[in-house]
PDB file of N, CA and C in Angstrom:
ATOM      1  N   MET A   1       1.006  -1.515  -0.044  1.00  0.00           N
ATOM      2  CA  MET A   1       0.201   0.231  -0.042  1.00  0.00           C
ATOM      3  C   MET A   1       0.695   1.482   0.229  1.00  0.00           C
ATOM      4  N   ALA A   2       0.540   2.210  -1.104  1.00  0.00           N
ATOM      5  CA  ALA A   2       1.132   3.311  -1.098  1.00  0.00           C
ATOM      6  C   ALA A   2       0.000   4.416  -0.679  1.00  0.00           C
ATOM      7  N   THR A   3       0.776   5.871   0.133  1.00  0.00           N
ATOM      8  CA  THR A   3       0.053   6.901   0.774  1.00  0.00           C
ATOM      9  C   THR A   3       0.715   8.028   0.189  1.00  0.00           C
ATOM     10  N   TYR A   4      -0.296   9.268  -0.248  1.00  0.00           N
ATOM     11  CA  TYR A   4       0.159  10.602  -1.070  1.00  0.00           C
ATOM     12  C   TYR A   4      -0.467  11.224  -0.281  1.00  0.00           C
ATOM     13  N   ASN A   5       0.207  12.248   0.194  1.00  0.00           N
ATOM     14  CA  ASN A   5      -0.790  13.388   0.827  1.00  0.00           C
ATOM     15  C   ASN A   5      -0.960  14.682  -0.564  1.00  0.00           C
ATOM     16  N   PHE A   6      -1.987  15.080  -0.164  1.00  0.00           N
ATOM     17  CA  PHE A   6      -2.202  16.022  -1.690  1.00  0.00           C
ATOM     18  C   PHE A   6      -2.885  17.486  -1.136  1.00  0.00           C
ATOM     19  N   ASN A   7      -2.645  18.472  -1.053  1.00  0.00           N
ATOM     20  CA  ASN A   7      -3.449  19.941  -0.545  1.00  0.00           C
ATOM     21  C   ASN A   7      -4.293  20.106  -1.904  1.00  0.00           C
ATOM     22  N   ILE A   8      -5.231  20.389  -1.315  1.00  0.00           N
ATOM     23  CA  ILE A   8      -6.215  20.921  -2.776  1.00  0.00           C
ATOM     24  C   ILE A   8      -5.847  21.881  -3.254  1.00  0.00           C
ATOM     25  N   THR A   9      -4.963  22.995  -2.707  1.00  0.00           N
ATOM     26  CA  THR A   9      -4.721  24.171  -3.201  1.00  0.00           C
ATOM     27  C   THR A   9      -3.437  24.123  -4.002  1.00  0.00           C
ATOM     28  N   ALA A  10      -2.892  22.979  -3.900  1.00  0.00           N
ATOM     29  CA  ALA A  10      -1.582  22.469  -4.863  1.00  0.00           C
ATOM     30  C   ALA A  10      -1.847  22.932  -6.267  1.00  0.00           C
ATOM     31  N   SER A  11      -2.953  22.595  -6.895  1.00  0.00           N
ATOM     32  CA  SER A  11      -3.421  22.989  -8.810  1.00  0.00           C
ATOM     33  C   SER A  11      -3.209  21.669  -9.392  1.00  0.00           C
ATOM     34  N   SER A  12      -2.118  21.397  -9.738  1.00  0.00           N
ATOM     35  CA  SER A  12      -1.843  20.025 -10.360  1.00  0.00           C
ATOM     36  C   SER A  12      -0.163  19.851 -10.363  1.00  0.00           C
ATOM     37  N   VAL A  13      -0.185  18.034  -9.875  1.00  0.00           N
ATOM     38  CA  VAL A  13       1.086  17.425  -9.988  1.00  0.00           C
ATOM     39  C   VAL A  13       1.117  16.357 -10.263  1.00  0.00           C
ATOM     40  N   THR A  14       2.293  15.970 -10.818  1.00  0.00           N
ATOM     41  CA  THR A  14       2.380  14.687 -11.459  1.00  0.00           C
ATOM     42  C   THR A  14       2.198  13.228 -10.377  1.00  0.00           C
ATOM     43  N   GLN A  15       1.713  12.077 -10.335  1.00  0.00           N
ATOM     44  CA  GLN A  15       1.308  10.968  -9.198  1.00  0.00           C
ATOM     45  C   GLN A  15       3.203  11.392  -8.602  1.00  0.00           C
ATOM     46  N   PRO A  16       3.213  11.087  -7.472  1.00  0.00           N
ATOM     47  CA  PRO A  16       4.678  10.870  -7.492  1.00  0.00           C
ATOM     48  C   PRO A  16       5.754   9.734  -7.764  1.00  0.00           C
ATOM     49  N   ALA A  17       5.024   8.452  -7.857  1.00  0.00           N
ATOM     50  CA  ALA A  17       5.417   7.224  -8.150  1.00  0.00           C
ATOM     51  C   ALA A  17       4.868   6.431  -8.730  1.00  0.00           C
ATOM     52  N   ASP A  18       5.072   5.296  -9.806  1.00  0.00           N
ATOM     53  CA  ASP A  18       4.568   4.298 -10.437  1.00  0.00           C
ATOM     54  C   ASP A  18       3.557   3.722  -9.375  1.00  0.00           C
ATOM     55  N   ILE A  19       2.400   3.219  -9.789  1.00  0.00           N
ATOM     56  CA  ILE A  19       1.665   2.227  -9.075  1.00  0.00           C
ATOM     57  C   ILE A  19       1.410   1.209  -9.660  1.00  0.00           C
ATOM     58  N   GLY A  20       1.563  -0.088  -8.837  1.00  0.00           N
ATOM     59  CA  GLY A  20       1.151  -1.471  -9.327  1.00  0.00           C
ATOM     60  C   GLY A  20      -0.138  -1.939  -9.550  1.00  0.00           C
ATOM     61  N   LEU A  21      -0.189  -2.843 -10.663  1.00  0.00           N
ATOM     62  CA  LEU A  21      -2.015  -3.307 -10.946  1.00  0.00           C
ATOM     63  C   LEU A  21      -1.818  -4.093  -9.533  1.00  0.00           C
ATOM     64  N   GLY A  22      -3.257  -3.408  -9.254  1.00  0.00           N
ATOM     65  CA  GLY A  22      -3.944  -4.088  -7.979  1.00  0.00           C
ATOM     66  C   GLY A  22      -3.402  -3.583  -6.726  1.00  0.00           C
ATOM     67  N   VAL A  23      -2.483  -2.441  -6.955  1.00  0.00           N
ATOM     68  CA  VAL A  23      -2.026  -2.144  -5.274  1.00  0.00           C
ATOM     69  C   VAL A  23      -2.512  -1.043  -4.751  1.00  0.00           C
ATOM     70  N   SER A  24      -3.198  -1.027  -3.657  1.00  0.00           N
ATOM     71  CA  SER A  24      -3.878  -0.210  -2.973  1.00  0.00           C
ATOM     72  C   SER A  24      -3.397   1.240  -2.761  1.00  0.00           C
ATOM     73  N   THR A  25      -3.982   2.351  -3.136  1.00  0.00           N
ATOM     74  CA  THR A  25      -3.344   3.851  -3.139  1.00  0.00           C
ATOM     75  C   THR A  25      -4.520   4.525  -2.160  1.00  0.00           C
ATOM     76  N   ASP A  26      -3.699   5.484  -1.261  1.00  0.00           N
ATOM     77  CA  ASP A  26      -4.129   5.945  -0.148  1.00  0.00           C
ATOM     78  C   ASP A  26      -3.917   7.423  -0.873  1.00  0.00           C
ATOM     79  N   TYR A  27      -4.954   8.192  -1.090  1.00  0.00           N
ATOM     80  CA  TYR A  27      -4.620   9.896  -1.135  1.00  0.00           C
ATOM     81  C   TYR A  27      -5.177  10.447  -0.042  1.00  0.00           C
ATOM     82  N   VAL A  28      -4.519  10.860   0.396  1.00  0.00           N
ATOM     83  CA  VAL A  28      -4.885  12.070   1.709  1.00  0.00           C
ATOM     84  C   VAL A  28      -4.937  13.121   1.533  1.00  0.00           C
ATOM     85  N   ILE A  29      -6.401  13.384   1.705  1.00  0.00           N
ATOM     86  CA  ILE A  29      -6.504  14.846   0.629  1.00  0.00           C
ATOM     87  C   ILE A  29      -6.943  16.259   1.622  1.00  0.00           C
ATOM     88  N   ALA A  30      -5.841  16.907   1.934  1.00  0.00           N
ATOM     89  CA  ALA A  30      -6.327  18.385   2.780  1.00  0.00           C
ATOM     90  C   ALA A  30      -7.016  19.735   1.743  1.00  0.00           C
ATOM     91  N   ASN A  31      -8.237  20.130   2.505  1.00  0.00           N
ATOM     92  CA  ASN A  31      -8.752  20.902   2.148  1.00  0.00           C
ATOM     93  C   ASN A  31      -9.100  22.254   3.117  1.00  0.00           C
ATOM     94  N   PRO A  32      -8.011  23.275   3.058  1.00  0.00           N
ATOM     95  CA  PRO A  32      -7.882  23.901   3.835  1.00  0.00           C
ATOM     96  C   PRO A  32      -9.306  25.531   3.539  1.00  0.00           C
ATOM     97  N   LEU A  33      -9.623  24.941   2.437  1.00  0.00           N
ATOM     98  CA  LEU A  33     -10.517  26.002   2.019  1.00  0.00           C
ATOM     99  C   LEU A  33     -11.874  25.948   2.906  1.00  0.00           C
ATOM    100  N   PRO A  34     -12.691  27.117   3.037  1.00  0.00           N
ATOM    101  CA  PRO A  34     -13.740  27.326   3.806  1.00  0.00           C
ATOM    102  C   PRO A  34     -15.236  26.694   3.255  1.00  0.00           C
ATOM    103  N   ALA A  35     -15.141  26.080   1.927  1.00  0.00           N
ATOM    104  CA  ALA A  35     -15.579  25.671   1.108  1.00  0.00           C
ATOM    105  C   ALA A  35     -15.626  24.256   0.654  1.00  0.00           C
ATOM    106  N   SER A  36     -16.280  23.308   0.039  1.00  0.00           N
ATOM    107  CA  SER A  36     -15.949  22.153  -0.713  1.00  0.00           C
ATOM    108  C   SER A  36     -15.034  22.524  -2.008  1.00  0.00           C
ATOM    109  N   ALA A  37     -14.318  21.702  -2.073  1.00  0.00           N
ATOM    110  CA  ALA A  37     -13.807  21.548  -3.690  1.00  0.00           C
ATOM    111  C   ALA A  37     -13.469  20.494  -4.118  1.00  0.00           C
ATOM    112  N   TYR A  38     -12.601  20.316  -5.309  1.00  0.00           N
ATOM    113  CA  TYR A  38     -12.613  19.194  -5.973  1.00  0.00           C
ATOM    114  C   TYR A  38     -11.257  18.735  -5.917  1.00  0.00           C
ATOM    115  N   PHE A  39     -11.256  17.288  -6.015  1.00  0.00           N
ATOM    116  CA  PHE A  39     -10.097  16.624  -6.060  1.00  0.00           C
ATOM    117  C   PHE A  39     -10.195  15.551  -7.472  1.00  0.00           C
ATOM    118  N   THR A  40      -9.043  15.601  -8.239  1.00  0.00           N
ATOM    119  CA  THR A  40      -9.276  14.772  -9.799  1.00  0.00           C
ATOM    120  C   THR A  40      -8.271  14.003 -10.118  1.00  0.00           C
ATOM    121  N   LEU A  41      -7.852  12.498 -10.064  1.00  0.00           N
ATOM    122  CA  LEU A  41      -7.218  12.030 -11.245  1.00  0.00           C
ATOM    123  C   LEU A  41      -7.162  11.893 -12.616  1.00  0.00           C
ATOM    124  N   GLU A  42      -6.036  12.206 -13.254  1.00  0.00           N
ATOM    125  CA  GLU A  42      -6.002  12.750 -14.466  1.00  0.00           C
ATOM    126  C   GLU A  42      -5.200  11.920 -15.463  1.00  0.00           C
ATOM    127  N   THR A  43      -5.528  11.242 -16.269  1.00  0.00           N
ATOM    128  CA  THR A  43      -4.550  10.557 -17.262  1.00  0.00           C
ATOM    129  C   THR A  43      -4.038  11.505 -18.018  1.00  0.00           C
ATOM    130  N   VAL A  44      -2.768  11.560 -18.163  1.00  0.00           N
ATOM    131  CA  VAL A  44      -2.466  13.415 -19.356  1.00  0.00           C
ATOM    132  C   VAL A  44      -2.966  12.972 -20.421  1.00  0.00           C
ATOM    133  N   PRO A  45      -3.624  13.802 -21.134  1.00  0.00           N
ATOM    134  CA  PRO A  45      -4.158  13.746 -22.587  1.00  0.00           C
ATOM    135  C   PRO A  45      -2.781  13.864 -23.275  1.00  0.00           C
ATOM    136  N   ASN A  46      -2.916  13.496 -24.839  1.00  0.00           N
ATOM    137  CA  ASN A  46      -2.285  13.694 -25.855  1.00  0.00           C
ATOM    138  C   ASN A  46      -1.812  15.012 -26.085  1.00  0.00           C
ATOM    139  N   ASN A  47      -0.733  15.279 -27.110  1.00  0.00           N
ATOM    140  CA  ASN A  47      -0.770  16.560 -27.573  1.00  0.00           C
ATOM    141  C   ASN A  47      -1.794  17.532 -28.025  1.00  0.00           C
ATOM    142  N   GLN A  48      -2.905  16.959 -28.464  1.00  0.00           N
ATOM    143  CA  GLN A  48      -3.700  17.962 -28.947  1.00  0.00           C
ATOM    144  C   GLN A  48      -5.037  17.669 -27.417  1.00  0.00           C
ATOM    145  N   GLY A  49      -4.577  17.105 -26.514  1.00  0.00           N
ATOM    146  CA  GLY A  49      -5.429  17.197 -25.471  1.00  0.00           C
ATOM    147  C   GLY A  49      -6.975  16.378 -25.399  1.00  0.00           C
ATOM    148  N   PHE A  50      -6.680  15.143 -26.072  1.00  0.00           N
ATOM    149  CA  PHE A  50      -7.459  14.378 -25.966  1.00  0.00           C
ATOM    150  C   PHE A  50      -6.829  13.094 -25.318  1.00  0.00           C
ATOM    151  N   TYR A  51      -7.999  12.257 -24.885  1.00  0.00           N
ATOM    152  CA  TYR A  51      -7.750  10.866 -24.985  1.00  0.00           C
ATOM    153  C   TYR A  51      -7.596   9.860 -26.152  1.00  0.00           C
ATOM    154  N   THR A  52      -7.037   8.910 -26.373  1.00  0.00           N
ATOM    155  CA  THR A  52      -7.040   8.067 -27.441  1.00  0.00           C
ATOM    156  C   THR A  52      -7.159   6.342 -27.172  1.00  0.00           C
ATOM    157  N   ALA A  53      -7.118   5.769 -28.241  1.00  0.00           N
ATOM    158  CA  ALA A  53      -6.997   4.567 -27.785  1.00  0.00           C
ATOM    159  C   ALA A  53      -5.925   3.682 -27.275  1.00  0.00           C
ATOM    160  N   SER A  54      -4.765   4.474 -27.167  1.00  0.00           N
ATOM    161  CA  SER A  54      -3.711   4.224 -26.928  1.00  0.00           C
ATOM    162  C   SER A  54      -3.170   5.179 -25.487  1.00  0.00           C
ATOM    163  N   SER A  55      -4.287   5.893 -24.894  1.00  0.00           N
ATOM    164  CA  SER A  55      -4.347   6.307 -23.903  1.00  0.00           C
ATOM    165  C   SER A  55      -4.165   5.460 -22.541  1.00  0.00           C
ATOM    166  N   PRO A  56      -3.392   5.692 -21.967  1.00  0.00           N
ATOM    167  CA  PRO A  56      -3.618   4.691 -20.629  1.00  0.00           C
ATOM    168  C   PRO A  56      -4.672   4.738 -19.491  1.00  0.00           C
ATOM    169  N   LYS A  57      -5.306   3.676 -19.637  1.00  0.00           N
ATOM    170  CA  LYS A  57      -6.396   3.750 -18.712  1.00  0.00           C
ATOM    171  C   LYS A  57      -6.345   3.956 -17.415  1.00  0.00           C
ATOM    172  N   ASN A  58      -6.159   5.348 -16.751  1.00  0.00           N
ATOM    173  CA  ASN A  58      -5.608   5.097 -15.319  1.00  0.00           C
ATOM    174  C   ASN A  58      -6.396   4.872 -14.679  1.00  0.00           C
ATOM    175  N   THR A  59      -7.415   5.342 -14.551  1.00  0.00           N
ATOM    176  CA  THR A  59      -8.597   5.562 -13.277  1.00  0.00           C
ATOM    177  C   THR A  59      -9.183   4.252 -13.681  1.00  0.00           C
ATOM    178  N   SER A  60      -8.985   3.259 -14.463  1.00  0.00           N
ATOM    179  CA  SER A  60      -9.666   1.981 -14.503  1.00  0.00           C
ATOM    180  C   SER A  60      -9.582   1.411 -13.020  1.00  0.00           C
ATOM    181  N   GLY A  61     -10.284   1.097 -12.288  1.00  0.00           N
ATOM    182  CA  GLY A  61     -10.384   0.166 -10.619  1.00  0.00           C
ATOM    183  C   GLY A  61     -11.476   0.634  -9.695  1.00  0.00           C
ATOM    184  N   SER A  62     -10.966   0.547  -8.850  1.00  0.00           N
ATOM    185  CA  SER A  62     -12.344   0.966  -7.561  1.00  0.00           C
ATOM    186  C   SER A  62     -11.380   2.203  -6.613  1.00  0.00           C
ATOM    187  N   PHE A  63     -12.455   2.935  -6.429  1.00  0.00           N
ATOM    188  CA  PHE A  63     -12.457   3.776  -5.340  1.00  0.00           C
ATOM    189  C   PHE A  63     -13.265   3.543  -4.140  1.00  0.00           C
ATOM    190  N   THR A  64     -12.730   4.133  -3.021  1.00  0.00           N
ATOM    191  CA  THR A  64     -13.479   3.944  -1.917  1.00  0.00           C
ATOM    192  C   THR A  64     -13.140   5.644  -1.378  1.00  0.00           C
ATOM    193  N   LEU A  65     -14.247   5.743  -1.057  1.00  0.00           N
ATOM    194  CA  LEU A  65     -14.193   7.427  -0.004  1.00  0.00           C
ATOM    195  C   LEU A  65     -14.538   7.303   0.935  1.00  0.00           C
ATOM    196  N   GLY A  66     -13.464   8.045   1.819  1.00  0.00           N
ATOM    197  CA  GLY A  66     -13.588   8.164   3.075  1.00  0.00           C
ATOM    198  C   GLY A  66     -14.278   9.453   3.402  1.00  0.00           C
ATOM    199  N   SER A  67     -14.411   9.383   5.091  1.00  0.00           N
ATOM    200  CA  SER A  67     -15.365  10.685   5.533  1.00  0.00           C
ATOM    201  C   SER A  67     -14.605  11.882   4.759  1.00  0.00           C
ATOM    202  N   GLY A  68     -15.458  12.707   4.355  1.00  0.00           N
ATOM    203  CA  GLY A  68     -14.728  14.009   3.873  1.00  0.00           C
ATOM    204  C   GLY A  68     -15.069  13.575   2.436  1.00  0.00           C
ATOM    205  N   LEU A  69     -15.504  12.893   1.814  1.00  0.00           N
ATOM    206  CA  LEU A  69     -15.758  12.771   0.422  1.00  0.00           C
ATOM    207  C   LEU A  69     -16.610  12.630   0.157  1.00  0.00           C
ATOM    208  N   SER A  70     -16.982  12.901  -1.544  1.00  0.00           N
ATOM    209  CA  SER A  70     -18.708  12.392  -2.112  1.00  0.00           C
ATOM    210  C   SER A  70     -18.580  12.469  -3.453  1.00  0.00           C
ATOM    211  N   GLY A  71     -19.445  12.193  -4.177  1.00  0.00           N
ATOM    212  CA  GLY A  71     -19.777  12.540  -5.535  1.00  0.00           C
ATOM    213  C   GLY A  71     -18.698  12.200  -6.260  1.00  0.00           C
ATOM    214  N   LEU A  72     -18.376  10.708  -6.246  1.00  0.00           N
ATOM    215  CA  LEU A  72     -17.183  10.322  -7.379  1.00  0.00           C
ATOM    216  C   LEU A  72     -18.106  10.313  -8.877  1.00  0.00           C
ATOM    217  N   VAL A  73     -17.227  10.715  -9.471  1.00  0.00           N
ATOM    218  CA  VAL A  73     -17.394  10.555 -10.932  1.00  0.00           C
ATOM    219  C   VAL A  73     -16.414  10.119 -11.820  1.00  0.00           C
ATOM    220  N   GLN A  74     -16.447   8.750 -12.642  1.00  0.00           N
ATOM    221  CA  GLN A  74     -15.108   8.082 -12.803  1.00  0.00           C
ATOM    222  C   GLN A  74     -15.348   7.759 -14.182  1.00  0.00           C
ATOM    223  N   SER A  75     -14.298   7.729 -15.215  1.00  0.00           N
ATOM    224  CA  SER A  75     -13.893   6.863 -16.787  1.00  0.00           C
ATOM    225  C   SER A  75     -13.033   6.375 -16.330  1.00  0.00           C
ATOM    226  N   ASP A  76     -12.547   5.747 -17.636  1.00  0.00           N
ATOM    227  CA  ASP A  76     -11.232   5.084 -17.593  1.00  0.00           C
ATOM    228  C   ASP A  76      -9.658   6.119 -17.501  1.00  0.00           C
ATOM    229  N   TYR A  77     -10.378   7.209 -17.487  1.00  0.00           N
ATOM    230  CA  TYR A  77      -9.245   8.005 -17.875  1.00  0.00           C
ATOM    231  C   TYR A  77      -9.210   9.415 -16.733  1.00  0.00           C
ATOM    232  N   ILE A  78      -9.936   9.333 -16.183  1.00  0.00           N
ATOM    233  CA  ILE A  78     -10.438  10.695 -15.193  1.00  0.00           C
ATOM    234  C   ILE A  78     -11.289  10.312 -14.048  1.00  0.00           C
ATOM    235  N   ALA A  79     -11.134  10.424 -12.687  1.00  0.00           N
ATOM    236  CA  ALA A  79     -11.709  10.519 -11.666  1.00  0.00           C
ATOM    237  C   ALA A  79     -12.150  11.819 -10.658  1.00  0.00           C
ATOM    238  N   SER A  80     -12.772  12.029 -10.251  1.00  0.00           N
ATOM    239  CA  SER A  80     -12.967  13.256  -9.376  1.00  0.00           C
ATOM    240  C   SER A  80     -14.007  13.127  -8.400  1.00  0.00           C
ATOM    241  N   VAL A  81     -13.407  13.564  -6.920  1.00  0.00           N
ATOM    242  CA  VAL A  81     -14.470  13.433  -5.687  1.00  0.00           C
ATOM    243  C   VAL A  81     -14.692  14.976  -5.079  1.00  0.00           C
ATOM    244  N   VAL A  82     -15.804  15.524  -4.777  1.00  0.00           N
ATOM    245  CA  VAL A  82     -15.786  16.585  -3.925  1.00  0.00           C
ATOM    246  C   VAL A  82     -15.387  16.248  -2.430  1.00  0.00           C
ATOM    247  N   VAL A  83     -14.334  17.139  -1.958  1.00  0.00           N
ATOM    248  CA  VAL A  83     -14.066  17.301  -1.178  1.00  0.00           C
ATOM    249  C   VAL A  83     -14.385  18.206   0.034  1.00  0.00           C
ATOM    250  N   ALA A  84     -14.557  18.028   1.098  1.00  0.00           N
ATOM    251  CA  ALA A  84     -15.213  18.940   2.029  1.00  0.00           C
ATOM    252  C   ALA A  84     -14.365  19.545   2.921  1.00  0.00           C
ATOM    253  N   PRO A  85     -14.434  20.638   3.346  1.00  0.00           N
ATOM    254  CA  PRO A  85     -13.727  21.532   4.126  1.00  0.00           C
ATOM    255  C   PRO A  85     -12.847  20.956   4.946  1.00  0.00           C
ATOM    256  N   GLY A  86     -11.593  20.766   5.374  1.00  0.00           N
ATOM    257  CA  GLY A  86     -10.621  19.445   6.026  1.00  0.00           C
ATOM    258  C   GLY A  86     -10.315  18.575   5.206  1.00  0.00           C
ATOM    259  N   GLY A  87     -11.056  17.800   4.566  1.00  0.00           N
ATOM    260  CA  GLY A  87      -9.993  16.866   3.645  1.00  0.00           C
ATOM    261  C   GLY A  87     -10.929  15.337   3.873  1.00  0.00           C
ATOM    262  N   GLY A  88     -10.121  14.476   3.365  1.00  0.00           N
ATOM    263  CA  GLY A  88     -10.533  13.482   3.728  1.00  0.00           C
ATOM    264  C   GLY A  88      -9.706  12.307   2.865  1.00  0.00           C
ATOM    265  N   THR A  89      -9.669  10.890   2.583  1.00  0.00           N
ATOM    266  CA  THR A  89      -8.907   9.814   2.258  1.00  0.00           C
ATOM    267  C   THR A  89      -9.768   9.393   1.104  1.00  0.00           C
ATOM    268  N   LEU A  90      -9.148   8.829   0.079  1.00  0.00           N
ATOM    269  CA  LEU A  90      -9.436   8.559  -0.989  1.00  0.00           C
ATOM    270  C   LEU A  90      -8.488   7.022  -1.327  1.00  0.00           C
ATOM    271  N   THR A  91      -9.308   5.895  -1.492  1.00  0.00           N
ATOM    272  CA  THR A  91      -8.314   4.640  -1.639  1.00  0.00           C
ATOM    273  C   THR A  91      -8.871   4.630  -3.232  1.00  0.00           C
ATOM    274  N   PHE A  92      -7.676   4.281  -3.959  1.00  0.00           N
ATOM    275  CA  PHE A  92      -7.653   3.600  -5.243  1.00  0.00           C
ATOM    276  C   PHE A  92      -7.074   2.304  -5.560  1.00  0.00           C
ATOM    277  N   VAL A  93      -7.248   1.317  -6.061  1.00  0.00           N
ATOM    278  CA  VAL A  93      -7.025  -0.133  -6.645  1.00  0.00           C
ATOM    279  C   VAL A  93      -7.200   0.127  -7.846  1.00  0.00           C
ATOM    280  N   PRO A  94      -6.050   0.304  -9.194  1.00  0.00           N
ATOM    281  CA  PRO A  94      -6.089   0.105  -9.912  1.00  0.00           C
ATOM    282  C   PRO A  94      -5.865  -1.103 -10.644  1.00  0.00           C
ATOM    283  N   LYS A  95      -6.674  -1.116 -11.909  1.00  0.00           N
ATOM    284  CA  LYS A  95      -6.793  -2.717 -12.826  1.00  0.00           C
ATOM    285  C   LYS A  95      -5.607  -2.676 -13.633  1.00  0.00           C
ATOM    286  N   THR A  96      -4.900  -1.447 -13.925  1.00  0.00           N
ATOM    287  CA  THR A  96      -3.779  -1.475 -14.351  1.00  0.00           C
ATOM    288  C   THR A  96      -2.246  -1.013 -13.937  1.00  0.00           C
ATOM    289  N   THR A  97      -1.198  -0.831 -14.178  1.00  0.00           N
ATOM    290  CA  THR A  97       0.302  -0.673 -13.888  1.00  0.00           C
ATOM    291  C   THR A  97       0.259   0.560 -14.968  1.00  0.00           C
ATOM    292  N   ILE A  98       0.176   1.816 -13.415  1.00  0.00           N
ATOM    293  CA  ILE A  98       0.324   3.006 -13.926  1.00  0.00           C
ATOM    294  C   ILE A  98       1.586   3.524 -13.694  1.00  0.00           C
ATOM    295  N   THR A  99       2.121   4.399 -15.093  1.00  0.00           N
ATOM    296  CA  THR A  99       3.214   4.997 -14.767  1.00  0.00           C
ATOM    297  C   THR A  99       3.043   6.620 -14.478  1.00  0.00           C
ATOM    298  N   ALA A 100       3.984   6.771 -13.113  1.00  0.00           N
ATOM    299  CA  ALA A 100       3.883   8.137 -12.734  1.00  0.00           C
ATOM    300  C   ALA A 100       3.513   9.104 -13.919  1.00  0.00           C
ATOM    301  N   ALA A 101       4.224   9.620 -14.992  1.00  0.00           N
ATOM    302  CA  ALA A 101       4.229  10.640 -16.037  1.00  0.00           C
ATOM    303  C   ALA A 101       3.033  10.440 -16.293  1.00  0.00           C
ATOM    304  N   THR A 102       2.350   9.622 -16.490  1.00  0.00           N
ATOM    305  CA  THR A 102       0.827   9.476 -17.250  1.00  0.00           C
ATOM    306  C   THR A 102      -0.401   9.761 -16.132  1.00  0.00           C
ATOM    307  N   LEU A 103      -0.052  10.532 -14.887  1.00  0.00           N
ATOM    308  CA  LEU A 103      -1.189  10.273 -14.037  1.00  0.00           C
ATOM    309  C   LEU A 103      -0.960  11.763 -13.486  1.00  0.00           C
ATOM    310  N   LYS A 104      -1.982  12.672 -13.504  1.00  0.00           N
ATOM    311  CA  LYS A 104      -1.844  14.049 -12.690  1.00  0.00           C
ATOM    312  C   LYS A 104      -3.266  13.970 -11.575  1.00  0.00           C
ATOM    313  N   LEU A 105      -2.588  14.735 -10.563  1.00  0.00           N
ATOM    314  CA  LEU A 105      -3.245  14.681  -9.235  1.00  0.00           C
ATOM    315  C   LEU A 105      -3.930  16.468  -9.462  1.00  0.00           C
ATOM    316  N   ARG A 106      -4.790  16.906  -9.496  1.00  0.00           N
ATOM    317  CA  ARG A 106      -5.459  17.972  -9.787  1.00  0.00           C
ATOM    318  C   ARG A 106      -6.487  18.271  -8.356  1.00  0.00           C
ATOM    319  N   GLY A 107      -6.149  19.555  -7.562  1.00  0.00           N
ATOM    320  CA  GLY A 107      -7.226  20.433  -7.094  1.00  0.00           C
ATOM    321  C   GLY A 107      -7.804  21.540  -7.539  1.00  0.00           C
ATOM    322  N   ILE A 108      -8.799  21.250  -7.522  1.00  0.00           N
ATOM    323  CA  ILE A 108      -9.635  22.366  -8.029  1.00  0.00           C
ATOM    324  C   ILE A 108     -10.215  23.214  -6.977  1.00  0.00           C
ATOM    325  N   GLY A 109     -10.373  24.715  -6.718  1.00  0.00           N
ATOM    326  CA  GLY A 109     -10.943  25.228  -5.561  1.00  0.00           C
ATOM    327  C   GLY A 109     -12.500  25.236  -5.399  1.00  0.00           C
ATOM    328  N   ALA A 110     -13.037  25.913  -4.507  1.00  0.00           N
ATOM    329  CA  ALA A 110     -14.206  26.017  -4.440  1.00  0.00           C
ATOM    330  C   ALA A 110     -15.051  26.575  -5.558  1.00  0.00           C
TER     331      ALA A 110
END
């Protein structure tokens, strides 16, 4: 199991390390804002800003929302949750191996 800390105000960072197939990964998401915000895992799109048949399906897998998180929206390329003030923990178990350079962590303010 891997654990990564992320502050919702960080905007966008690259996944800190590769994630193996089936490896449970916790994202501990801090939200210091006075209102709810969003946390997104996003496959890096191609040069034209799109996903294609050759794009890695980085968010294919299972998600568990901890306290403080709600509203999961997921596809094979992007997953997003609402993060209440204070934050919460998102657990992700991927169906594929993820190369760090192909996955972005994004915080989107209130």
